[in-house]
Amino acid sequence: MKNISGVAQSIKYALRGIFFVLYFPFYFVFQVLCKIWIYLIVKPLIWIGKRIIQPVIYFIWIYIIRFLFVYPISWLWNTIIYPFILFVWKRFFLPITRFIWRYVVYPILYLICYPCYLFWKYLVLPFYNEIVLPVLSFCQRIFLWFWKGVKWIAIHMIYYPLRWFWMTCIYKPLKKVYTKIIQPVIKWFSHLFS
């Protein structure tokens, strides 16, 4: 591949450029949607699942479901279901699968799959390695550069002003209200009822 002529090299780079122009907008939109999905939907749902739903489900599993379902199903599995499955496997499934392998899968493998493999290996794979992979790598680099800029803007234009607003306008007054009003009232009630 090192002795490629100038015409072939220019065709390769032209194909890379065309593929980049056609592929990058879809890649960009897909990556933006993935980031939105991860940071606005998945991470909050994971937090809710770990902090709220998982303890409730764990309690229900330990104290209700295990005693009502797991132990009876375990007994049923060991005495009835597993022996039946083993019988069906040995007497019915294995002969049928042997027949299917010999007379259906094996001919399809040698008449269809291997020619497709050779087509992939000698015609499609060089195109993929020389044109598609470099374009995909370049698209990823461009998107990461763009994402770094978006993160910088989000941190400096949104997060820091919101944090400043929260700390100066909401948190400190609420803390003063809590320490000057709510805490003394709670102490007074606790002394009153003790």
Protein backbone atom coordinates (compact mmCIF):
# COMPACT_ATOMS: atom_id res chain seq x y z
CA MET A 1 0.00 0.00 0.00
CA LYS A 2 3.00 2.33 0.30
CA ASN A 3 3.50 2.62 -3.47
CA ILE A 4 0.10 4.11 -4.25
CA SER A 5 0.09 6.34 -7.30
CA GLY A 6 -0.85 10.00 -7.05
CA VAL A 7 -4.20 9.48 -8.78
CA ALA A 8 -5.15 6.66 -6.42
CA GLN A 9 -4.06 8.75 -3.43
CA SER A 10 -6.15 11.72 -4.61
CA ILE A 11 -9.17 9.45 -5.20
CA LYS A 12 -8.76 8.05 -1.70
CA TYR A 13 -8.65 11.53 -0.15
CA ALA A 14 -11.60 12.71 -2.28
CA LEU A 15 -13.64 9.71 -1.10
CA ARG A 16 -12.66 10.49 2.49
CA GLY A 17 -13.82 14.07 2.05
CA ILE A 18 -17.13 13.06 0.50
CA PHE A 19 -17.72 10.49 3.23
CA PHE A 20 -16.88 13.08 5.90
CA VAL A 21 -19.29 15.64 4.46
CA LEU A 22 -22.07 13.04 4.31
CA TYR A 23 -21.36 11.37 7.65
CA PHE A 24 -20.37 14.15 10.07
CA PRO A 25 -23.79 15.88 10.46
CA PHE A 26 -25.42 12.59 11.47
CA TYR A 27 -22.54 11.74 13.79
CA PHE A 28 -22.72 15.19 15.37
CA VAL A 29 -26.47 15.04 15.98
CA PHE A 30 -26.17 11.50 17.34
CA GLN A 31 -23.40 12.48 19.77
CA VAL A 32 -25.33 15.54 20.99
CA LEU A 33 -28.41 13.39 21.58
CA CYS A 34 -26.27 10.81 23.41
CA LYS A 35 -24.82 13.49 25.70
CA ILE A 36 -28.30 14.90 26.39
CA TRP A 37 -29.57 11.37 27.08
CA ILE A 38 -26.70 10.57 29.45
CA TYR A 39 -26.51 13.81 31.41
CA LEU A 40 -30.17 14.84 31.54
CA ILE A 41 -31.98 11.50 31.69
CA VAL A 42 -29.74 8.55 32.60
CA LYS A 43 -27.68 10.04 35.42
CA PRO A 44 -30.70 11.49 37.31
CA LEU A 45 -32.57 8.21 36.86
CA ILE A 46 -29.55 6.26 38.13
CA TRP A 47 -29.41 8.51 41.18
CA ILE A 48 -33.15 8.05 41.81
CA GLY A 49 -32.77 4.30 41.35
CA LYS A 50 -29.84 4.00 43.75
CA ARG A 51 -31.16 6.33 46.45
CA ILE A 52 -34.91 5.71 46.37
CA ILE A 53 -36.04 2.69 44.37
CA GLN A 54 -33.25 0.21 45.15
CA PRO A 55 -33.70 0.26 48.97
CA VAL A 56 -37.45 -0.25 48.61
CA ILE A 57 -37.04 -3.09 46.12
CA TYR A 58 -34.33 -4.67 48.26
CA PHE A 59 -36.63 -4.60 51.30
CA ILE A 60 -39.49 -6.12 49.28
CA TRP A 61 -37.14 -8.78 47.87
CA ILE A 62 -35.66 -9.79 51.22
CA TYR A 63 -38.81 -9.83 53.33
CA ILE A 64 -41.65 -10.65 50.92
CA ILE A 65 -40.72 -12.13 47.55
CA ARG A 66 -38.03 -14.50 48.72
CA PHE A 67 -40.29 -16.29 51.14
CA LEU A 68 -43.34 -16.32 48.90
CA PHE A 69 -41.79 -17.21 45.56
CA VAL A 70 -38.09 -18.05 45.56
CA TYR A 71 -38.10 -21.02 47.91
CA PRO A 72 -41.18 -22.73 46.37
CA ILE A 73 -39.91 -22.09 42.84
CA SER A 74 -36.50 -23.45 43.81
CA TRP A 75 -38.09 -26.66 45.07
CA LEU A 76 -40.25 -26.88 41.92
CA TRP A 77 -37.19 -26.34 39.72
CA ASN A 78 -35.12 -29.03 41.40
CA THR A 79 -37.81 -31.71 41.50
CA ILE A 80 -39.93 -31.20 38.37
CA ILE A 81 -38.76 -28.57 35.88
CA TYR A 82 -35.04 -29.39 35.58
CA PRO A 83 -35.52 -33.15 35.08
CA PHE A 84 -38.20 -32.46 32.47
CA ILE A 85 -35.93 -30.00 30.62
CA LEU A 86 -33.09 -32.52 30.72
CA PHE A 87 -35.35 -35.22 29.26
CA VAL A 88 -36.59 -32.92 26.47
CA TRP A 89 -33.01 -31.84 25.74
CA LYS A 90 -31.65 -35.36 25.37
CA ARG A 91 -34.58 -37.00 23.59
CA PHE A 92 -35.97 -34.26 21.35
CA PHE A 93 -33.79 -31.20 21.07
CA LEU A 94 -30.42 -32.79 20.30
CA PRO A 95 -31.66 -34.96 17.40
CA ILE A 96 -33.54 -32.02 15.88
CA THR A 97 -30.53 -29.72 16.15
CA ARG A 98 -28.24 -32.35 14.62
CA PHE A 99 -30.61 -32.68 11.66
CA ILE A 100 -30.83 -28.89 11.27
CA TRP A 101 -27.03 -28.56 11.39
CA ARG A 102 -26.39 -31.26 8.79
CA TYR A 103 -29.06 -30.36 6.25
CA VAL A 104 -29.83 -26.64 6.77
CA VAL A 105 -27.09 -24.68 8.52
CA TYR A 106 -24.04 -26.41 7.07
CA PRO A 107 -25.02 -25.86 3.40
CA ILE A 108 -26.01 -22.24 4.09
CA LEU A 109 -22.68 -21.69 5.80
CA TYR A 110 -20.64 -22.97 2.87
CA LEU A 111 -22.79 -21.61 0.05
CA ILE A 112 -23.68 -18.18 1.46
CA CYS A 113 -21.64 -17.17 4.50
CA TYR A 114 -18.16 -18.01 3.23
CA PRO A 115 -18.60 -16.18 -0.11
CA CYS A 116 -19.93 -13.18 1.83
CA TYR A 117 -16.88 -13.37 4.08
CA LEU A 118 -14.55 -13.39 1.09
CA PHE A 119 -16.45 -10.43 -0.42
CA TRP A 120 -16.05 -8.56 2.86
CA LYS A 121 -12.38 -9.42 3.27
CA TYR A 122 -11.14 -8.60 -0.22
CA LEU A 123 -13.53 -5.87 -1.43
CA VAL A 124 -15.23 -4.08 1.46
CA LEU A 125 -12.56 -4.23 4.17
CA PRO A 126 -9.87 -2.27 2.26
CA PHE A 127 -12.43 0.47 1.54
CA TYR A 128 -13.43 0.44 5.21
CA ASN A 129 -9.83 0.64 6.45
CA GLU A 130 -8.69 3.34 4.02
CA ILE A 131 -11.74 5.62 3.95
CA VAL A 132 -14.27 4.94 6.68
CA LEU A 133 -11.97 4.51 9.71
CA PRO A 134 -9.96 7.73 9.17
CA VAL A 135 -13.17 9.71 8.67
CA LEU A 136 -14.70 8.25 11.83
CA SER A 137 -11.58 9.12 13.81
CA PHE A 138 -11.58 12.66 12.44
CA CYS A 139 -15.30 13.09 13.25
CA GLN A 140 -14.67 11.97 16.81
CA ARG A 141 -11.81 14.46 17.23
CA ILE A 142 -13.93 17.32 15.88
CA PHE A 143 -16.84 16.45 18.16
CA LEU A 144 -14.59 16.19 21.24
CA TRP A 145 -13.16 19.61 20.42
CA PHE A 146 -16.69 21.01 20.12
CA TRP A 147 -17.79 19.27 23.34
CA LYS A 148 -14.84 20.76 25.24
CA GLY A 149 -16.03 24.23 24.17
CA VAL A 150 -19.62 23.49 25.17
CA LYS A 151 -18.48 22.25 28.60
CA TRP A 152 -16.37 25.38 29.10
CA ILE A 153 -19.32 27.59 28.19
CA ALA A 154 -21.65 25.62 30.46
CA ILE A 155 -19.27 25.86 33.40
CA HIS A 156 -18.34 29.52 33.05
CA MET A 157 -21.58 30.99 31.73
CA ILE A 158 -24.18 28.86 33.54
CA TYR A 159 -22.79 26.92 36.50
CA TYR A 160 -20.61 29.57 38.16
CA PRO A 161 -23.27 32.33 37.99
CA LEU A 162 -25.95 29.94 39.28
CA ARG A 163 -23.66 28.80 42.09
CA TRP A 164 -22.90 32.40 43.01
CA PHE A 165 -26.62 33.25 42.97
CA TRP A 166 -27.46 30.21 45.09
CA MET A 167 -24.73 30.85 47.67
CA THR A 168 -25.32 34.60 48.04
CA CYS A 169 -29.06 34.99 47.54
CA ILE A 170 -30.61 31.71 48.71
CA TYR A 171 -28.28 29.58 50.82
CA LYS A 172 -26.93 32.24 53.21
CA PRO A 173 -30.37 33.75 53.99
CA LEU A 174 -31.82 30.27 54.51
CA LYS A 175 -28.91 29.39 56.78
CA LYS A 176 -29.48 32.56 58.81
CA VAL A 177 -33.20 31.80 59.07
CA TYR A 178 -32.38 28.28 60.21
CA THR A 179 -29.78 29.32 62.80
CA LYS A 180 -31.61 32.41 64.11
CA ILE A 181 -35.25 31.26 64.02
CA ILE A 182 -35.79 27.55 63.42
CA GLN A 183 -33.06 26.17 65.70
CA PRO A 184 -34.06 28.30 68.72
CA VAL A 185 -37.73 27.36 68.21
CA ILE A 186 -36.81 23.66 68.07
CA LYS A 187 -34.69 24.01 71.22
CA TRP A 188 -37.49 25.87 72.96
CA PHE A 189 -40.01 23.12 72.04
CA SER A 190 -37.60 20.40 73.16
CA HIS A 191 -37.06 22.16 76.53
CA LEU A 192 -40.79 22.74 76.83
CA PHE A 193 -41.69 19.05 76.34
CA SER A 194 -38.74 17.51 78.18
